[in-house]
Amino acid sequence: MLTYAVAHPKDGYRRLTWQMIDADIAYLSESSVYRILHDADLLYRWKRRSAAGERPQRPTRPHERWHTDLMYLRIADSWYFLVTVLDAYSRYVVHWEVLPSMRAADVRLVVQQALEATGAHPAIVSDNGAQFTAAEFKDLVRRFALEHIRIRTYHPESNGVLERFHRSTRDALADEALANLSHARAVIARWIQHYNEERLHAGLGYLTPAEFYRGNPAARIDERQLKLERAREERRRINHQRLTQAA
């Protein structure tokens, strides 16, 4: 059954159910096919993208793929917009800005500043908002020879790494009374510094984004394991000493 599913990657589990029955491959209910494909990570709904193509694979290095989006932000009595550029591999916030409007030219400038500061040429993931379908953003994509990946409409999970950052940001700012734009930028700068450099990220094996972005995460993981092994050895030594003394 799994071989058949792999050979038909564009078919959903319901269609596969009946195709396999018709082809005498397997005789299973839709719910059983769903469960088997879910366990094997072969569900089509997670493998496809919008008209732009298939959902990209998990990146293996910094600057391979960036995600960008806007978040509404209440400052005093007005609405502003936090624009973030986030590296998918490390979850590191590469660049950000608070804007008083959602003009396409201003959003384009935020991404352009990130590109110019890093010299990177990543694939860019965004939603289908007007800022990212406007001529200004298309011109940026052409100028820097980028791949622009636009997520499926009504499918924010495809931009999930940034959606998760937005949730964390809302939580971090929940108790902050942002008095004005200058104050808001200072508060957000402190939060992003903490997020990038200090906050352990569950999706990174509880390392910080900075350790993935510019460090050696494998070495840090090995270092942690060595500490655990040393601690176990020390506990065994102490327990052995206690047993010897008790005897």
Protein backbone atom coordinates (compact mmCIF):
# COMPACT_ATOMS: atom_id res chain seq x y z
CA MET A 1 0.00 0.00 0.00
CA LEU A 2 2.75 2.48 0.92
CA THR A 3 4.52 1.79 -2.37
CA TYR A 4 1.33 2.69 -4.18
CA ALA A 5 0.91 5.88 -2.15
CA VAL A 6 4.48 6.97 -2.88
CA ALA A 7 3.85 6.36 -6.58
CA HIS A 8 0.78 8.66 -6.43
CA PRO A 9 2.02 11.63 -4.38
CA LYS A 10 -0.64 14.04 -5.65
CA ASP A 11 -3.61 11.96 -4.56
CA GLY A 12 -5.30 12.47 -1.19
CA TYR A 13 -6.07 9.62 1.15
CA ARG A 14 -9.75 9.35 0.13
CA ARG A 15 -8.89 9.07 -3.55
CA LEU A 16 -6.13 6.58 -2.77
CA THR A 17 -8.61 4.46 -0.78
CA TRP A 18 -10.88 3.91 -3.76
CA GLN A 19 -8.10 3.71 -6.34
CA MET A 20 -6.48 0.90 -4.38
CA ILE A 21 -9.78 -0.92 -4.05
CA ASP A 22 -10.42 -0.61 -7.77
CA ALA A 23 -6.89 -1.79 -8.56
CA ASP A 24 -7.09 -4.66 -6.04
CA ILE A 25 -4.14 -3.24 -4.14
CA ALA A 26 -5.70 -2.98 -0.68
CA TYR A 27 -9.15 -3.14 0.81
CA LEU A 28 -9.20 -0.60 3.62
CA SER A 29 -11.54 2.08 4.89
CA GLU A 30 -10.75 5.77 4.43
CA SER A 31 -9.97 6.12 8.13
CA SER A 32 -7.51 3.20 8.00
CA VAL A 33 -5.74 4.63 4.95
CA TYR A 34 -5.56 8.02 6.66
CA ARG A 35 -4.00 6.49 9.79
CA ILE A 36 -1.41 4.46 7.84
CA LEU A 37 -0.40 7.42 5.67
CA HIS A 38 -0.26 9.68 8.72
CA ASP A 39 2.05 7.26 10.52
CA ALA A 40 4.29 7.10 7.44
CA ASP A 41 4.21 10.90 6.91
CA LEU A 42 2.69 10.47 3.47
CA LEU A 43 -0.49 12.50 3.78
CA TYR A 44 -0.87 14.60 0.65
CA ARG A 45 -2.38 17.56 2.49
CA TRP A 46 1.02 18.14 4.14
CA LYS A 47 3.04 17.48 0.99
CA ARG A 48 1.46 19.95 -1.38
CA ARG A 49 1.65 23.69 -1.80
CA SER A 50 -0.41 26.21 -3.65
CA ALA A 51 -0.07 26.79 -7.34
CA ALA A 52 3.57 27.56 -6.62
CA GLY A 53 4.40 23.83 -6.31
CA GLU A 54 5.24 21.27 -3.62
CA ARG A 55 5.84 22.16 0.01
CA PRO A 56 9.58 22.75 0.48
CA GLN A 57 11.71 20.31 2.41
CA ARG A 58 13.15 21.28 5.79
CA PRO A 59 16.22 23.47 5.15
CA THR A 60 19.66 22.17 6.10
CA ARG A 61 21.60 25.43 6.48
CA PRO A 62 21.10 29.13 7.31
CA HIS A 63 19.78 31.39 4.54
CA GLU A 64 18.43 28.50 2.52
CA ARG A 65 14.87 29.70 3.09
CA TRP A 66 13.37 32.73 4.79
CA HIS A 67 9.80 33.34 5.92
CA THR A 68 8.25 36.79 6.05
CA ASP A 69 4.90 38.13 7.18
CA LEU A 70 3.17 41.00 9.00
CA MET A 71 1.68 41.07 12.49
CA TYR A 72 -0.79 43.69 13.70
CA LEU A 73 0.55 45.63 16.67
CA ARG A 74 -1.38 48.04 18.88
CA ILE A 75 0.73 51.02 19.94
CA ALA A 76 -1.03 53.65 22.06
CA ASP A 77 -4.28 54.27 20.16
CA SER A 78 -3.10 53.22 16.70
CA TRP A 79 -2.40 50.07 14.75
CA TYR A 80 1.09 49.38 13.42
CA PHE A 81 2.61 46.40 11.67
CA LEU A 82 5.58 44.26 12.69
CA VAL A 83 7.32 42.92 9.59
CA THR A 84 9.66 40.01 10.30
CA VAL A 85 12.15 38.09 8.20
CA LEU A 86 12.92 34.74 9.84
CA ASP A 87 15.43 32.08 8.80
CA ALA A 88 13.63 28.73 8.53
CA TYR A 89 16.64 26.55 9.40
CA SER A 90 17.59 28.32 12.62
CA ARG A 91 14.34 30.19 13.49
CA TYR A 92 16.62 33.23 13.81
CA VAL A 93 15.04 36.64 13.21
CA VAL A 94 17.26 38.02 10.46
CA HIS A 95 15.59 41.44 10.26
CA TRP A 96 12.47 43.22 11.48
CA GLU A 97 10.79 46.60 11.46
CA VAL A 98 7.66 48.25 12.83
CA LEU A 99 5.77 50.11 10.12
CA PRO A 100 2.89 52.59 10.40
CA SER A 101 1.31 51.19 7.23
CA MET A 102 1.22 48.05 5.12
CA ARG A 103 2.41 49.69 1.92
CA ALA A 104 4.03 47.23 -0.45
CA ALA A 105 7.04 49.50 -0.98
CA ASP A 106 7.77 49.63 2.77
CA VAL A 107 7.42 45.86 3.21
CA ARG A 108 9.69 45.31 0.22
CA LEU A 109 12.30 47.59 1.81
CA VAL A 110 12.39 45.51 5.01
CA VAL A 111 13.14 42.32 3.05
CA GLN A 112 15.61 44.17 0.84
CA GLN A 113 17.52 45.43 3.89
CA ALA A 114 17.80 41.85 5.16
CA LEU A 115 19.12 40.67 1.79
CA GLU A 116 21.66 43.47 1.54
CA ALA A 117 22.84 43.07 5.14
CA THR A 118 23.46 39.33 4.82
CA GLY A 119 24.37 38.95 1.14
CA ALA A 120 22.10 35.89 1.13
CA HIS A 121 19.94 34.62 -1.74
CA PRO A 122 17.31 32.49 0.02
CA ALA A 123 13.98 31.26 -1.16
CA ILE A 124 11.33 33.57 0.29
CA VAL A 125 8.11 32.15 1.75
CA SER A 126 5.13 34.48 2.17
CA ASP A 127 1.36 34.44 2.10
CA ASN A 128 -0.65 35.87 -0.76
CA GLY A 129 -1.17 39.28 0.82
CA ALA A 130 -1.19 42.35 -1.41
CA GLN A 131 2.28 43.35 -0.19
CA PHE A 132 3.78 40.12 -1.55
CA THR A 133 1.90 39.99 -4.83
CA ALA A 134 2.51 43.65 -5.69
CA ALA A 135 4.81 44.76 -8.48
CA GLU A 136 7.30 46.13 -5.91
CA PHE A 137 7.85 42.72 -4.35
CA LYS A 138 7.98 40.94 -7.69
CA ASP A 139 10.65 43.40 -8.76
CA LEU A 140 12.66 42.59 -5.62
CA VAL A 141 12.43 38.87 -6.41
CA ARG A 142 13.69 39.48 -9.94
CA ARG A 143 16.44 41.88 -8.86
CA PHE A 144 17.95 39.43 -6.37
CA ALA A 145 17.15 36.31 -8.46
CA LEU A 146 15.13 34.75 -5.64
CA GLU A 147 12.65 31.91 -5.53
CA HIS A 148 9.34 33.20 -4.15
CA ILE A 149 7.19 30.52 -2.52
CA ARG A 150 3.62 31.62 -1.86
CA ILE A 151 1.63 29.46 0.52
CA ARG A 152 -1.82 28.06 -0.20
CA THR A 153 -4.70 30.42 0.43
CA TYR A 154 -6.30 29.81 3.85
CA HIS A 155 -3.40 27.55 4.84
CA PRO A 156 -1.27 29.54 7.33
CA GLU A 157 0.38 26.32 8.56
CA SER A 158 2.64 26.53 5.50
CA ASN A 159 4.14 29.63 7.09
CA GLY A 160 4.09 27.92 10.47
CA VAL A 161 7.55 28.87 11.72
CA LEU A 162 6.62 32.54 11.49
CA GLU A 163 3.11 32.00 12.84
CA ARG A 164 4.72 30.39 15.89
CA PHE A 165 7.06 33.35 16.29
CA HIS A 166 4.06 35.68 16.16
CA ARG A 167 2.34 33.75 18.96
CA SER A 168 5.46 33.95 21.11
CA THR A 169 5.76 37.67 20.36
CA ARG A 170 2.16 38.33 21.35
CA ASP A 171 2.74 36.47 24.61
CA ALA A 172 5.94 38.43 25.25
CA LEU A 173 4.21 41.77 24.63
CA ALA A 174 0.95 40.94 26.39
CA ASP A 175 1.83 42.85 29.57
CA GLU A 176 3.60 45.72 27.83
CA ALA A 177 1.86 49.08 27.44
CA LEU A 178 3.45 50.34 24.23
CA ALA A 179 3.31 54.10 24.70
CA ASN A 180 4.65 55.20 21.32
CA LEU A 181 6.55 53.94 18.29
CA SER A 182 9.98 54.58 19.81
CA HIS A 183 9.04 52.72 22.99
CA ALA A 184 7.56 49.84 20.99
CA ARG A 185 10.71 49.42 18.92
CA ALA A 186 12.86 49.34 22.07
CA VAL A 187 10.63 46.72 23.71
CA ILE A 188 10.54 44.57 20.58
CA ALA A 189 14.32 44.88 20.14
CA ARG A 190 14.82 43.50 23.67
CA TRP A 191 12.38 40.68 23.03
CA ILE A 192 13.99 39.66 19.73
CA GLN A 193 17.46 39.80 21.31
CA HIS A 194 16.18 37.42 23.99
CA TYR A 195 14.42 35.22 21.41
CA ASN A 196 17.49 34.95 19.17
CA GLU A 197 20.25 34.66 21.75
CA GLU A 198 18.81 33.29 25.01
CA ARG A 199 15.44 31.58 24.62
CA LEU A 200 15.67 27.81 24.14
CA HIS A 201 13.56 26.74 21.18
CA ALA A 202 11.64 23.48 21.36
CA GLY A 203 11.87 23.02 17.59
CA LEU A 204 15.67 23.22 17.79
CA GLY A 205 16.19 20.59 20.44
CA TYR A 206 16.12 23.31 23.09
CA LEU A 207 19.03 25.24 21.68
CA THR A 208 18.81 28.93 20.84
CA PRO A 209 18.23 30.18 17.29
CA ALA A 210 21.63 31.91 17.42
CA GLU A 211 23.39 28.58 17.99
CA PHE A 212 21.86 27.20 14.80
CA TYR A 213 22.22 30.42 12.83
CA ARG A 214 25.91 31.06 13.40
CA GLY A 215 27.16 28.23 15.55
CA ASN A 216 27.63 24.49 15.61
CA PRO A 217 24.48 22.87 17.00
CA ALA A 218 25.88 19.33 16.71
CA ALA A 219 28.81 20.30 18.92
CA ARG A 220 26.45 21.81 21.49
CA ILE A 221 24.33 18.67 21.51
CA ASP A 222 27.47 16.55 21.98
CA GLU A 223 28.57 18.85 24.77
CA ARG A 224 25.25 18.38 26.55
CA GLN A 225 25.46 14.62 26.18
CA LEU A 226 29.00 14.64 27.59
CA LYS A 227 27.77 16.60 30.61
CA LEU A 228 25.00 14.07 31.15
CA GLU A 229 27.45 11.16 30.90
CA ARG A 230 29.83 12.79 33.35
CA ALA A 231 26.97 13.43 35.76
CA ARG A 232 25.91 9.77 35.53
CA GLU A 233 29.46 8.65 36.16
CA GLU A 234 29.71 10.92 39.18
CA ARG A 235 26.44 9.60 40.60
CA ARG A 236 27.63 6.02 40.08
CA ARG A 237 30.92 6.87 41.82
CA ILE A 238 29.14 8.43 44.80
CA ASN A 239 26.69 5.54 45.09
CA HIS A 240 29.53 3.02 44.92
CA GLN A 241 31.42 4.94 47.61
CA ARG A 242 28.37 4.96 49.86
CA LEU A 243 27.83 1.23 49.40
CA THR A 244 31.50 0.56 50.17
CA GLN A 245 31.40 2.67 53.32
CA ALA A 246 28.16 1.02 54.46
CA ALA A 247 29.75 -2.42 54.07
